[in-house]
């Protein structure tokens, strides 16, 4: 199955000059969703994962499915003010501006084996920020795991030293 066939391009979203990769057709097809989950999980080659961290908000979609598949806890990383308990935060640059991400301060324990999942690796800003949050809390990052990678934006350059997997590359 070609997962690319279930990802459509939306020109000018969320703002002019951006080519958005829309995964809703993938999510709308049960077989494509299952194949994508299988591909993402297989990249871990049986490594032990304690926590799957999903980046707001599209990282939650497959993040929670991966956590279930791997028998691991799920940890949401969210924008400011969206988590109800005490948080740790980091600011970062993204492909069309700047933002802040937060994680509950008790979400990751020292030594936890962590899989970080997001839908897309673009410039690497979001992924780098999530790595900083996980490492501040003492987690050991096993892999950065993405549904797709936009290679022309060179996001991997910000993520040297990490194991990176993307199910689809553009």
N, C-alpha and C. Protein backbone atom coordinates (compact mmCIF):
# COMPACT_ATOMS: atom_id res chain seq x y z
N UNK A 1 0.84 -1.19 0.00
CA UNK A 1 0.00 0.00 0.00
C UNK A 1 0.88 1.25 0.00
N UNK A 2 0.58 2.19 -0.85
CA UNK A 2 1.32 3.45 -0.92
C UNK A 2 0.61 4.49 -0.05
N UNK A 3 1.16 4.75 1.13
CA UNK A 3 0.55 5.71 2.05
C UNK A 3 0.44 7.10 1.43
N UNK A 4 1.36 7.43 0.53
CA UNK A 4 1.34 8.74 -0.14
C UNK A 4 0.02 8.99 -0.85
N UNK A 5 -0.62 7.92 -1.31
CA UNK A 5 -1.89 8.05 -2.03
C UNK A 5 -3.03 8.52 -1.12
N UNK A 6 -2.80 8.50 0.19
CA UNK A 6 -3.82 8.89 1.17
C UNK A 6 -3.50 10.23 1.84
N UNK A 7 -2.51 10.94 1.30
CA UNK A 7 -2.12 12.26 1.82
C UNK A 7 -2.30 13.26 0.69
N UNK A 8 -3.14 14.27 0.92
CA UNK A 8 -3.39 15.23 -0.15
C UNK A 8 -2.73 16.57 0.16
N UNK A 9 -2.40 17.28 -0.90
CA UNK A 9 -1.79 18.60 -0.79
C UNK A 9 -2.87 19.67 -0.77
N UNK A 10 -2.71 20.62 0.17
CA UNK A 10 -3.59 21.79 0.24
C UNK A 10 -2.70 23.02 0.13
N UNK A 11 -2.80 23.72 -0.99
CA UNK A 11 -1.99 24.91 -1.23
C UNK A 11 -2.53 26.10 -0.43
N UNK A 12 -1.60 26.85 0.22
CA UNK A 12 -1.98 28.07 0.92
C UNK A 12 -2.62 27.87 2.27
N UNK A 13 -2.38 26.75 2.92
CA UNK A 13 -2.91 26.48 4.25
C UNK A 13 -1.77 26.10 5.17
N UNK A 14 -1.67 26.61 6.38
CA UNK A 14 -2.58 27.55 7.04
C UNK A 14 -2.41 29.00 6.62
N UNK A 15 -1.39 29.27 5.80
CA UNK A 15 -1.27 30.63 5.25
C UNK A 15 -0.61 30.55 3.88
N UNK A 16 -0.69 31.63 3.14
CA UNK A 16 -0.14 31.69 1.78
C UNK A 16 1.34 31.29 1.77
N UNK A 17 1.73 30.50 0.78
CA UNK A 17 3.12 30.07 0.64
C UNK A 17 3.40 28.72 1.27
N UNK A 18 2.45 28.17 2.01
CA UNK A 18 2.62 26.86 2.66
C UNK A 18 1.86 25.80 1.84
N UNK A 19 2.51 24.66 1.62
CA UNK A 19 1.84 23.52 1.01
C UNK A 19 1.59 22.51 2.13
N UNK A 20 0.36 22.41 2.56
CA UNK A 20 -0.03 21.59 3.70
C UNK A 20 -0.28 20.16 3.26
N UNK A 21 0.24 19.21 4.02
CA UNK A 21 0.01 17.79 3.77
C UNK A 21 -1.14 17.33 4.65
N UNK A 22 -2.28 17.07 4.05
CA UNK A 22 -3.51 16.72 4.74
C UNK A 22 -3.62 15.20 4.90
N UNK A 23 -3.63 14.74 6.15
CA UNK A 23 -3.69 13.31 6.42
C UNK A 23 -5.11 12.80 6.67
N UNK A 24 -6.11 13.66 6.55
CA UNK A 24 -7.47 13.19 6.83
C UNK A 24 -7.93 12.08 5.89
N UNK A 25 -7.53 12.04 4.62
CA UNK A 25 -7.91 10.87 3.80
C UNK A 25 -7.31 9.57 4.35
N UNK A 26 -6.11 9.64 4.88
CA UNK A 26 -5.48 8.47 5.50
C UNK A 26 -6.29 8.02 6.71
N UNK A 27 -6.66 8.97 7.55
CA UNK A 27 -7.43 8.65 8.75
C UNK A 27 -8.82 8.13 8.41
N UNK A 28 -9.34 8.53 7.27
CA UNK A 28 -10.68 8.14 6.85
C UNK A 28 -10.73 6.71 6.31
N UNK A 29 -9.58 6.11 6.08
CA UNK A 29 -9.52 4.76 5.52
C UNK A 29 -8.92 3.82 6.56
N UNK A 30 -9.73 2.91 7.07
CA UNK A 30 -9.29 2.02 8.15
C UNK A 30 -8.07 1.20 7.77
N UNK A 31 -8.03 0.69 6.54
CA UNK A 31 -6.90 -0.14 6.11
C UNK A 31 -5.63 0.70 6.01
N UNK A 32 -5.72 1.91 5.48
CA UNK A 32 -4.55 2.78 5.37
C UNK A 32 -4.05 3.18 6.76
N UNK A 33 -4.96 3.47 7.67
CA UNK A 33 -4.57 3.81 9.04
C UNK A 33 -3.83 2.65 9.69
N UNK A 34 -4.36 1.44 9.54
CA UNK A 34 -3.73 0.25 10.12
C UNK A 34 -2.35 0.00 9.50
N UNK A 35 -2.24 0.17 8.20
CA UNK A 35 -0.95 -0.03 7.52
C UNK A 35 0.07 1.02 8.00
N UNK A 36 -0.36 2.24 8.17
CA UNK A 36 0.52 3.30 8.66
C UNK A 36 1.00 2.98 10.07
N UNK A 37 0.09 2.56 10.94
CA UNK A 37 0.46 2.20 12.32
C UNK A 37 1.46 1.05 12.31
N UNK A 38 1.21 0.04 11.49
CA UNK A 38 2.12 -1.11 11.38
C UNK A 38 3.51 -0.66 10.93
N UNK A 39 3.57 0.23 9.96
CA UNK A 39 4.85 0.73 9.45
C UNK A 39 5.60 1.52 10.53
N UNK A 40 4.89 2.40 11.22
CA UNK A 40 5.52 3.20 12.28
C UNK A 40 6.05 2.32 13.41
N UNK A 41 5.25 1.35 13.84
CA UNK A 41 5.66 0.48 14.95
C UNK A 41 6.80 -0.45 14.55
N UNK A 42 6.79 -0.93 13.32
CA UNK A 42 7.84 -1.86 12.87
C UNK A 42 9.21 -1.21 12.87
N UNK A 43 9.27 0.10 12.76
CA UNK A 43 10.55 0.80 12.73
C UNK A 43 11.31 0.70 14.06
N UNK A 44 10.63 0.28 15.10
CA UNK A 44 11.27 0.19 16.43
C UNK A 44 11.97 -1.14 16.66
N UNK A 45 11.78 -2.11 15.80
CA UNK A 45 12.48 -3.39 15.84
C UNK A 45 12.49 -4.02 17.24
N UNK A 46 11.34 -4.00 17.91
CA UNK A 46 11.22 -4.65 19.21
C UNK A 46 11.85 -3.93 20.37
N UNK A 47 12.26 -2.68 20.21
CA UNK A 47 12.84 -1.93 21.31
C UNK A 47 11.78 -1.65 22.38
N UNK A 48 12.20 -1.63 23.63
CA UNK A 48 11.28 -1.36 24.74
C UNK A 48 11.00 0.14 24.81
N UNK A 49 9.72 0.49 24.84
CA UNK A 49 9.27 1.87 24.97
C UNK A 49 8.36 1.95 26.20
N UNK A 50 8.66 2.90 27.10
CA UNK A 50 7.80 3.12 28.27
C UNK A 50 6.74 4.18 28.00
N UNK A 51 7.13 5.21 27.22
CA UNK A 51 6.22 6.33 26.96
C UNK A 51 6.30 6.73 25.49
N UNK A 52 5.15 7.04 24.94
CA UNK A 52 5.07 7.65 23.61
C UNK A 52 4.62 9.09 23.83
N UNK A 53 5.43 10.02 23.35
CA UNK A 53 5.11 11.44 23.48
C UNK A 53 4.59 11.92 22.14
N UNK A 54 3.40 12.48 22.14
CA UNK A 54 2.79 13.01 20.93
C UNK A 54 2.75 14.52 20.96
N UNK A 55 3.18 15.15 19.86
CA UNK A 55 3.20 16.61 19.77
C UNK A 55 1.85 17.13 19.29
N UNK A 56 1.40 18.21 19.90
CA UNK A 56 0.12 18.84 19.54
C UNK A 56 0.08 19.18 18.07
N UNK A 57 -0.99 18.99 17.45
CA UNK A 57 -2.07 18.12 17.90
C UNK A 57 -2.18 16.89 17.02
N UNK A 58 -1.64 16.97 15.82
CA UNK A 58 -1.75 15.80 14.93
C UNK A 58 -0.86 14.65 15.38
N UNK A 59 0.12 14.93 16.22
CA UNK A 59 0.93 13.86 16.79
C UNK A 59 0.16 12.98 17.76
N UNK A 60 -0.99 13.49 18.22
CA UNK A 60 -1.82 12.69 19.13
C UNK A 60 -2.48 11.53 18.39
N UNK A 61 -2.78 11.74 17.10
CA UNK A 61 -3.59 10.76 16.36
C UNK A 61 -2.92 9.39 16.30
N UNK A 62 -1.69 9.34 15.79
CA UNK A 62 -0.99 8.07 15.75
C UNK A 62 -0.20 7.83 17.04
N UNK A 63 0.08 8.88 17.79
CA UNK A 63 0.79 8.72 19.06
C UNK A 63 0.06 7.80 20.02
N UNK A 64 -1.24 8.03 20.19
CA UNK A 64 -2.01 7.19 21.10
C UNK A 64 -2.14 5.77 20.56
N UNK A 65 -2.27 5.62 19.24
CA UNK A 65 -2.33 4.29 18.64
C UNK A 65 -1.00 3.55 18.82
N UNK A 66 0.11 4.26 18.65
CA UNK A 66 1.43 3.65 18.87
C UNK A 66 1.60 3.24 20.33
N UNK A 67 1.15 4.09 21.25
CA UNK A 67 1.25 3.75 22.68
C UNK A 67 0.49 2.45 22.97
N UNK A 68 -0.69 2.32 22.43
CA UNK A 68 -1.46 1.09 22.63
C UNK A 68 -0.75 -0.10 22.01
N UNK A 69 -0.26 0.07 20.79
CA UNK A 69 0.43 -1.01 20.08
C UNK A 69 1.68 -1.47 20.83
N UNK A 70 2.36 -0.52 21.47
CA UNK A 70 3.63 -0.80 22.16
C UNK A 70 3.46 -1.06 23.65
N UNK A 71 2.20 -1.07 24.11
CA UNK A 71 1.91 -1.26 25.54
C UNK A 71 2.67 -0.24 26.39
N UNK A 72 2.59 1.01 25.98
CA UNK A 72 3.29 2.11 26.65
C UNK A 72 2.28 3.19 27.04
N UNK A 73 2.70 4.06 27.94
CA UNK A 73 1.88 5.21 28.29
C UNK A 73 1.95 6.26 27.19
N UNK A 74 0.93 7.11 27.14
CA UNK A 74 0.92 8.21 26.17
C UNK A 74 1.03 9.53 26.91
N UNK A 75 1.89 10.42 26.39
CA UNK A 75 2.12 11.73 27.00
C UNK A 75 1.86 12.81 25.95
N UNK A 76 0.87 13.67 26.17
CA UNK A 76 0.65 14.77 25.24
C UNK A 76 1.58 15.95 25.53
N UNK A 77 2.14 16.53 24.49
CA UNK A 77 2.86 17.79 24.58
C UNK A 77 1.95 18.82 23.92
N UNK A 78 1.64 19.90 24.67
CA UNK A 78 0.62 20.83 24.20
C UNK A 78 1.10 22.27 24.20
N UNK A 79 0.29 23.11 23.61
CA UNK A 79 0.54 24.54 23.62
C UNK A 79 0.20 25.09 25.00
N UNK A 80 0.70 26.28 25.33
CA UNK A 80 0.53 26.84 26.69
C UNK A 80 -0.92 26.92 27.15
N UNK A 81 -1.11 26.58 28.43
CA UNK A 81 -2.42 26.69 29.05
C UNK A 81 -3.38 25.56 28.75
N UNK A 82 -2.95 24.52 28.05
CA UNK A 82 -3.85 23.42 27.68
C UNK A 82 -3.73 22.21 28.60
N UNK A 83 -2.67 22.15 29.41
CA UNK A 83 -2.49 21.04 30.35
C UNK A 83 -2.88 21.50 31.75
N UNK A 84 -3.63 20.69 32.51
CA UNK A 84 -4.18 21.14 33.78
C UNK A 84 -3.22 21.13 34.98
N UNK A 85 -2.11 20.42 34.89
CA UNK A 85 -1.22 20.26 36.03
C UNK A 85 0.03 21.10 35.80
N UNK A 86 0.97 21.05 36.74
CA UNK A 86 2.23 21.80 36.63
C UNK A 86 3.01 21.32 35.41
N UNK A 87 3.60 22.28 34.69
CA UNK A 87 4.27 21.95 33.43
C UNK A 87 5.69 22.48 33.38
N UNK A 88 6.43 21.94 32.42
CA UNK A 88 7.73 22.43 32.00
C UNK A 88 7.50 22.91 30.57
N UNK A 89 8.13 24.03 30.18
CA UNK A 89 7.89 24.56 28.84
C UNK A 89 9.18 24.89 28.12
N UNK A 90 9.07 25.03 26.80
CA UNK A 90 10.19 25.43 25.95
C UNK A 90 9.61 26.21 24.77
N UNK A 91 10.32 27.27 24.34
CA UNK A 91 9.89 27.99 23.14
C UNK A 91 10.72 27.49 21.96
N UNK A 92 10.16 27.63 20.75
CA UNK A 92 10.82 27.08 19.57
C UNK A 92 10.35 27.81 18.32
N UNK A 93 11.13 27.66 17.25
CA UNK A 93 10.75 28.18 15.94
C UNK A 93 10.11 27.07 15.13
N UNK A 94 9.08 27.40 14.38
CA UNK A 94 8.49 26.45 13.46
C UNK A 94 8.49 27.02 12.07
N UNK A 95 8.00 26.27 11.10
CA UNK A 95 8.15 26.66 9.70
C UNK A 95 7.42 27.96 9.35
N UNK A 96 6.47 28.40 10.16
CA UNK A 96 5.75 29.64 9.86
C UNK A 96 5.52 30.50 11.11
N UNK A 97 6.55 30.61 12.01
CA UNK A 97 6.45 31.47 13.19
C UNK A 97 7.19 30.90 14.38
N UNK A 98 6.76 31.28 15.58
CA UNK A 98 7.33 30.76 16.82
C UNK A 98 6.20 30.31 17.73
N UNK A 99 6.53 29.46 18.69
CA UNK A 99 5.51 28.96 19.62
C UNK A 99 6.17 28.44 20.89
N UNK A 100 5.35 27.97 21.80
CA UNK A 100 5.79 27.38 23.07
C UNK A 100 5.09 26.04 23.22
N UNK A 101 5.81 25.04 23.74
CA UNK A 101 5.21 23.75 24.04
C UNK A 101 5.40 23.45 25.52
N UNK A 102 4.46 22.68 26.08
CA UNK A 102 4.51 22.29 27.49
C UNK A 102 4.26 20.80 27.66
N UNK A 103 4.78 20.28 28.76
CA UNK A 103 4.58 18.89 29.14
C UNK A 103 4.35 18.87 30.65
N UNK A 104 3.53 17.97 31.15
CA UNK A 104 3.38 17.83 32.60
C UNK A 104 4.73 17.46 33.20
N UNK A 105 5.05 18.08 34.32
CA UNK A 105 6.37 17.88 34.92
C UNK A 105 6.58 16.46 35.44
N UNK A 106 5.50 15.70 35.64
CA UNK A 106 5.61 14.32 36.12
C UNK A 106 5.32 13.28 35.04
N UNK A 107 5.27 13.70 33.79
CA UNK A 107 4.87 12.80 32.69
C UNK A 107 5.95 11.80 32.31
N UNK A 108 7.20 12.19 32.47
CA UNK A 108 8.34 11.34 32.12
C UNK A 108 9.18 11.14 33.37
N UNK A 109 9.55 9.90 33.64
CA UNK A 109 10.42 9.60 34.78
C UNK A 109 11.85 9.40 34.28
N UNK A 110 12.80 9.69 35.13
CA UNK A 110 14.21 9.50 34.77
C UNK A 110 14.43 8.07 34.30
N UNK A 111 15.02 7.93 33.12
CA UNK A 111 15.30 6.61 32.56
C UNK A 111 14.21 6.03 31.68
N UNK A 112 13.04 6.68 31.62
CA UNK A 112 11.99 6.20 30.71
C UNK A 112 12.52 6.14 29.29
N UNK A 113 12.19 5.08 28.59
CA UNK A 113 12.53 4.92 27.17
C UNK A 113 11.39 5.54 26.37
N UNK A 114 11.70 6.59 25.62
CA UNK A 114 10.66 7.43 25.03
C UNK A 114 10.71 7.39 23.50
N UNK A 115 9.53 7.22 22.91
CA UNK A 115 9.31 7.40 21.48
C UNK A 115 8.60 8.73 21.31
N UNK A 116 9.16 9.61 20.50
CA UNK A 116 8.49 10.88 20.20
C UNK A 116 7.85 10.74 18.83
N UNK A 117 6.55 11.04 18.76
CA UNK A 117 5.83 10.93 17.50
C UNK A 117 5.17 12.26 17.14
N UNK A 118 5.27 12.61 15.87
CA UNK A 118 4.51 13.72 15.30
C UNK A 118 4.15 13.35 13.87
N UNK A 119 3.22 14.08 13.30
CA UNK A 119 2.78 13.74 11.95
C UNK A 119 3.82 14.08 10.90
N UNK A 120 4.55 15.21 11.09
CA UNK A 120 5.47 15.64 10.04
C UNK A 120 6.77 16.19 10.61
N UNK A 121 7.88 15.82 9.98
CA UNK A 121 9.17 16.45 10.25
C UNK A 121 9.37 17.46 9.13
N UNK A 122 9.32 18.74 9.50
CA UNK A 122 9.52 19.81 8.52
C UNK A 122 10.86 20.48 8.80
N UNK A 123 10.86 21.60 9.50
CA UNK A 123 12.11 22.30 9.79
C UNK A 123 12.85 21.71 10.99
N UNK A 124 12.17 20.86 11.76
CA UNK A 124 12.77 20.23 12.93
C UNK A 124 12.58 21.01 14.21
N UNK A 125 12.00 22.19 14.15
CA UNK A 125 11.82 23.02 15.34
C UNK A 125 10.94 22.39 16.41
N UNK A 126 9.80 21.89 16.01
CA UNK A 126 8.89 21.26 16.96
C UNK A 126 9.53 20.01 17.57
N UNK A 127 10.10 19.17 16.74
CA UNK A 127 10.72 17.93 17.23
C UNK A 127 11.86 18.24 18.20
N UNK A 128 12.68 19.23 17.88
CA UNK A 128 13.78 19.60 18.77
C UNK A 128 13.25 20.09 20.11
N UNK A 129 12.18 20.87 20.09
CA UNK A 129 11.57 21.37 21.33
C UNK A 129 11.04 20.22 22.18
N UNK A 130 10.39 19.25 21.53
CA UNK A 130 9.87 18.09 22.28
C UNK A 130 11.03 17.29 22.87
N UNK A 131 12.11 17.13 22.13
CA UNK A 131 13.30 16.45 22.66
C UNK A 131 13.81 17.16 23.91
N UNK A 132 13.88 18.48 23.86
CA UNK A 132 14.34 19.26 25.01
C UNK A 132 13.46 19.01 26.23
N UNK A 133 12.14 18.98 26.03
CA UNK A 133 11.23 18.73 27.14
C UNK A 133 11.45 17.34 27.74
N UNK A 134 11.53 16.33 26.89
CA UNK A 134 11.72 14.96 27.36
C UNK A 134 13.04 14.83 28.12
N UNK A 135 14.10 15.41 27.58
CA UNK A 135 15.41 15.30 28.22
C UNK A 135 15.50 16.11 29.51
N UNK A 136 14.78 17.23 29.60
CA UNK A 136 14.71 17.99 30.86
C UNK A 136 14.15 17.13 31.99
N UNK A 137 13.23 16.24 31.63
CA UNK A 137 12.59 15.38 32.63
C UNK A 137 13.33 14.06 32.85
N UNK A 138 14.42 13.84 32.13
CA UNK A 138 15.23 12.65 32.35
C UNK A 138 14.91 11.47 31.45
N UNK A 139 14.07 11.67 30.46
CA UNK A 139 13.74 10.58 29.54
C UNK A 139 14.86 10.32 28.55
N UNK A 140 14.95 9.07 28.11
CA UNK A 140 15.93 8.65 27.09
C UNK A 140 15.18 8.45 25.78
N UNK A 141 15.52 9.24 24.78
CA UNK A 141 14.80 9.20 23.52
C UNK A 141 15.32 8.04 22.67
N UNK A 142 14.43 7.11 22.37
CA UNK A 142 14.76 5.94 21.57
C UNK A 142 14.67 6.27 20.09
N UNK A 143 13.62 7.01 19.72
CA UNK A 143 13.42 7.34 18.31
C UNK A 143 12.50 8.55 18.18
N UNK A 144 12.73 9.32 17.11
CA UNK A 144 11.79 10.34 16.64
C UNK A 144 11.07 9.72 15.46
N UNK A 145 9.76 9.67 15.52
CA UNK A 145 8.96 8.87 14.63
C UNK A 145 7.90 9.77 13.98
N UNK A 146 7.87 9.78 12.65
CA UNK A 146 6.98 10.69 11.92
C UNK A 146 6.20 9.93 10.86
N UNK A 147 4.99 10.38 10.62
CA UNK A 147 4.23 9.84 9.51
C UNK A 147 4.90 10.26 8.21
N UNK A 148 5.35 11.54 8.12
CA UNK A 148 6.01 12.00 6.89
C UNK A 148 7.13 12.98 7.21
N UNK A 149 8.07 13.05 6.27
CA UNK A 149 9.18 13.99 6.36
C UNK A 149 9.24 14.81 5.08
N UNK A 150 9.37 16.13 5.25
CA UNK A 150 9.57 17.04 4.14
C UNK A 150 11.07 17.30 4.03
N UNK A 151 11.76 16.46 3.27
CA UNK A 151 13.23 16.47 3.26
C UNK A 151 13.81 17.79 2.77
N UNK A 152 13.10 18.50 1.91
CA UNK A 152 13.60 19.76 1.36
C UNK A 152 13.70 20.87 2.41
N UNK A 153 13.12 20.66 3.59
CA UNK A 153 13.22 21.65 4.67
C UNK A 153 14.36 21.34 5.64
N UNK A 154 15.05 20.23 5.42
CA UNK A 154 16.28 19.89 6.17
C UNK A 154 16.10 19.81 7.68
N UNK A 155 14.96 19.32 8.14
CA UNK A 155 14.70 19.20 9.57
C UNK A 155 15.66 18.29 10.32
N UNK A 156 16.18 17.28 9.64
CA UNK A 156 17.12 16.36 10.29
C UNK A 156 18.37 17.06 10.80
N UNK A 157 18.74 18.16 10.15
CA UNK A 157 19.95 18.87 10.56
C UNK A 157 19.87 19.38 12.00
N UNK A 158 18.68 19.68 12.49
CA UNK A 158 18.50 20.14 13.87
C UNK A 158 18.45 18.98 14.86
N UNK A 159 18.43 17.76 14.34
CA UNK A 159 18.17 16.59 15.18
C UNK A 159 19.30 15.58 15.14
N UNK A 160 20.52 16.05 14.94
CA UNK A 160 21.68 15.16 14.88
C UNK A 160 21.79 14.35 16.17
N UNK A 161 22.12 13.08 16.01
CA UNK A 161 22.30 12.20 17.17
C UNK A 161 21.08 11.40 17.55
N UNK A 162 19.95 11.69 16.93
CA UNK A 162 18.72 10.95 17.23
C UNK A 162 18.42 9.97 16.10
N UNK A 163 17.83 8.82 16.46
CA UNK A 163 17.31 7.89 15.46
C UNK A 163 16.00 8.47 14.94
N UNK A 164 15.87 8.65 13.64
CA UNK A 164 14.71 9.27 13.03
C UNK A 164 14.11 8.30 12.01
N UNK A 165 12.77 8.17 12.10
CA UNK A 165 12.05 7.34 11.13
C UNK A 165 10.86 8.13 10.59
N UNK A 166 10.67 8.07 9.29
CA UNK A 166 9.47 8.63 8.65
C UNK A 166 8.88 7.58 7.71
N UNK A 167 7.57 7.37 7.83
CA UNK A 167 6.89 6.39 6.99
C UNK A 167 6.86 6.82 5.53
N UNK A 168 6.78 8.13 5.29
CA UNK A 168 6.69 8.69 3.94
C UNK A 168 7.66 9.88 3.87
N UNK A 169 8.38 9.99 2.77
CA UNK A 169 9.26 11.16 2.58
C UNK A 169 8.91 11.90 1.30
N UNK A 170 9.02 13.20 1.38
CA UNK A 170 8.80 14.07 0.21
C UNK A 170 10.05 14.91 0.02
